Amino acid sequence: MEQFRSAGADVTLTVEGDVAGLPATTGLAVYRIAQEALTNAAKHAPGVPTEVRLRVSAGEVTLTADSRAVPGKGASAGAGPGLGVISMRERAESVGGSCEAGPGGRGWLVRARLPLTGGAP
């Protein structure tokens, strides 16, 4: 988060639960998904506030990145899911989770849900 803030991004982070117990592969997937979501927000909606929330609960970690971006605007408007969205989905699926990105929340919403046990088959 600090890297994006120091570059001028308006990012807030809320963490609920104990992140210290995340398995390494899940933690890396969460990190990379958050990084991609913030990169996309900065690229397609520079200066737009983005709220990131990480919630660790029994059996699951949920990451959301909610920006005030206007859906359908930006460099890839109308082009379908970009490589960043596909990459986030693949990272989540690699640990048995899911990730959706698109219009929602305050404008554009990324939501990843990753299990804390089990994983990909």
Protein backbone atom coordinates (compact mmCIF):
# COMPACT_ATOMS: atom_id res chain seq x y z
CA MET A 1 0.00 0.00 0.00
CA GLU A 2 2.79 2.40 0.90
CA GLN A 3 4.35 2.03 -2.54
CA PHE A 4 1.10 3.15 -4.19
CA ARG A 5 0.56 5.94 -1.67
CA SER A 6 4.08 7.28 -2.19
CA ALA A 7 3.34 7.36 -5.93
CA GLY A 8 0.33 9.60 -5.23
CA ALA A 9 -2.50 7.05 -5.15
CA ASP A 10 -5.38 7.67 -2.74
CA VAL A 11 -5.54 4.22 -1.11
CA THR A 12 -6.99 3.17 2.22
CA LEU A 13 -6.53 -0.27 3.76
CA THR A 14 -8.67 -2.00 6.37
CA VAL A 15 -7.57 -5.35 7.78
CA GLU A 16 -9.91 -7.57 9.80
CA GLY A 17 -8.64 -10.75 11.41
CA ASP A 18 -5.21 -12.29 11.85
CA VAL A 19 -3.17 -12.20 8.65
CA ALA A 20 -0.14 -13.78 10.38
CA GLY A 21 -1.69 -17.24 10.01
CA LEU A 22 -2.16 -17.11 6.23
CA PRO A 23 -0.45 -19.96 4.37
CA ALA A 24 2.48 -18.62 2.31
CA THR A 25 0.89 -19.47 -1.06
CA THR A 26 -2.39 -17.84 -0.08
CA GLY A 27 -0.60 -14.77 1.27
CA LEU A 28 1.34 -14.41 -1.98
CA ALA A 29 -1.85 -14.75 -4.04
CA VAL A 30 -3.57 -12.07 -1.92
CA TYR A 31 -0.56 -9.77 -2.29
CA ARG A 32 -0.37 -10.17 -6.07
CA ILE A 33 -4.13 -9.73 -6.53
CA ALA A 34 -4.06 -6.55 -4.44
CA GLN A 35 -1.05 -5.31 -6.38
CA GLU A 36 -2.80 -5.90 -9.72
CA ALA A 37 -6.07 -4.33 -8.54
CA LEU A 38 -4.23 -1.18 -7.41
CA THR A 39 -2.16 -1.06 -10.59
CA ASN A 40 -5.36 -1.25 -12.65
CA ALA A 41 -7.00 1.47 -10.55
CA ALA A 42 -3.98 3.75 -10.97
CA LYS A 43 -3.80 3.06 -14.71
CA HIS A 44 -7.49 3.37 -15.59
CA ALA A 45 -8.64 5.89 -12.97
CA PRO A 46 -5.65 7.92 -11.75
CA GLY A 47 -6.36 9.97 -8.64
CA VAL A 48 -9.56 8.09 -7.87
CA PRO A 49 -9.80 6.90 -4.23
CA THR A 50 -9.57 3.14 -3.77
CA GLU A 51 -10.57 1.28 -0.61
CA VAL A 52 -8.90 -2.07 0.00
CA ARG A 53 -10.31 -4.42 2.62
CA LEU A 54 -8.71 -7.67 3.72
CA ARG A 55 -10.82 -9.92 5.93
CA VAL A 56 -9.57 -13.15 7.41
CA SER A 57 -12.27 -15.36 8.89
CA ALA A 58 -12.63 -19.02 9.72
CA GLY A 59 -11.60 -20.90 6.61
CA GLU A 60 -11.46 -17.96 4.17
CA VAL A 61 -9.68 -14.74 3.32
CA THR A 62 -11.52 -12.09 1.32
CA LEU A 63 -9.86 -9.20 -0.48
CA THR A 64 -11.85 -6.36 -2.00
CA ALA A 65 -10.57 -3.33 -3.86
CA ASP A 66 -13.33 -0.79 -4.44
CA SER A 67 -12.58 2.30 -6.50
CA ARG A 68 -14.70 5.20 -7.61
CA ALA A 69 -13.73 4.52 -11.19
CA VAL A 70 -16.47 4.96 -13.74
CA PRO A 71 -17.27 1.59 -15.34
CA GLY A 72 -16.73 1.55 -19.08
CA LYS A 73 -14.13 4.32 -19.01
CA GLY A 74 -10.38 3.99 -19.34
CA ALA A 75 -7.83 2.49 -21.68
CA SER A 76 -9.52 -0.90 -22.06
CA ALA A 77 -13.16 0.20 -22.07
CA GLY A 78 -15.29 -2.23 -24.02
CA ALA A 79 -12.36 -4.54 -24.70
CA GLY A 80 -13.57 -7.29 -22.39
CA PRO A 81 -11.53 -8.62 -19.48
CA GLY A 82 -7.96 -7.44 -19.69
CA LEU A 83 -4.87 -9.43 -18.83
CA GLY A 84 -4.88 -7.99 -15.28
CA VAL A 85 -8.37 -9.30 -14.57
CA ILE A 86 -7.49 -12.68 -16.05
CA SER A 87 -4.28 -12.79 -14.01
CA MET A 88 -6.13 -12.02 -10.77
CA ARG A 89 -8.67 -14.76 -11.51
CA GLU A 90 -5.94 -17.30 -12.31
CA ARG A 91 -4.02 -16.47 -9.11
CA ALA A 92 -7.14 -16.97 -7.00
CA GLU A 93 -8.01 -20.21 -8.77
CA SER A 94 -4.46 -21.53 -8.29
CA VAL A 95 -5.14 -21.76 -4.54
CA GLY A 96 -8.74 -22.97 -4.89
CA GLY A 97 -10.41 -19.56 -4.73
CA SER A 98 -12.24 -17.18 -7.01
CA CYS A 99 -11.91 -13.57 -8.16
CA GLU A 100 -14.37 -11.33 -9.92
CA ALA A 101 -13.77 -7.81 -11.21
CA GLY A 102 -16.20 -5.40 -12.81
CA PRO A 103 -18.76 -2.70 -12.20
CA GLY A 104 -19.90 -2.68 -8.58
CA GLY A 105 -19.30 -1.10 -5.23
CA ARG A 106 -18.61 2.59 -5.71
CA GLY A 107 -17.68 2.13 -9.37
CA TRP A 108 -15.27 -0.75 -10.04
CA LEU A 109 -14.96 -3.67 -7.64
CA VAL A 110 -12.44 -6.49 -7.38
CA ARG A 111 -13.40 -9.28 -4.97
CA ALA A 112 -11.25 -12.33 -4.33
CA ARG A 113 -12.17 -15.18 -1.98
CA LEU A 114 -9.48 -17.68 -1.09
CA PRO A 115 -9.78 -20.72 1.17
CA LEU A 116 -7.41 -21.08 4.08
CA THR A 117 -7.43 -24.87 3.83
CA GLY A 118 -7.43 -27.26 0.95
CA GLY A 119 -6.54 -25.49 -2.29
CA ALA A 120 -6.62 -26.32 -5.93
CA PRO A 121 -7.15 -29.98 -6.84
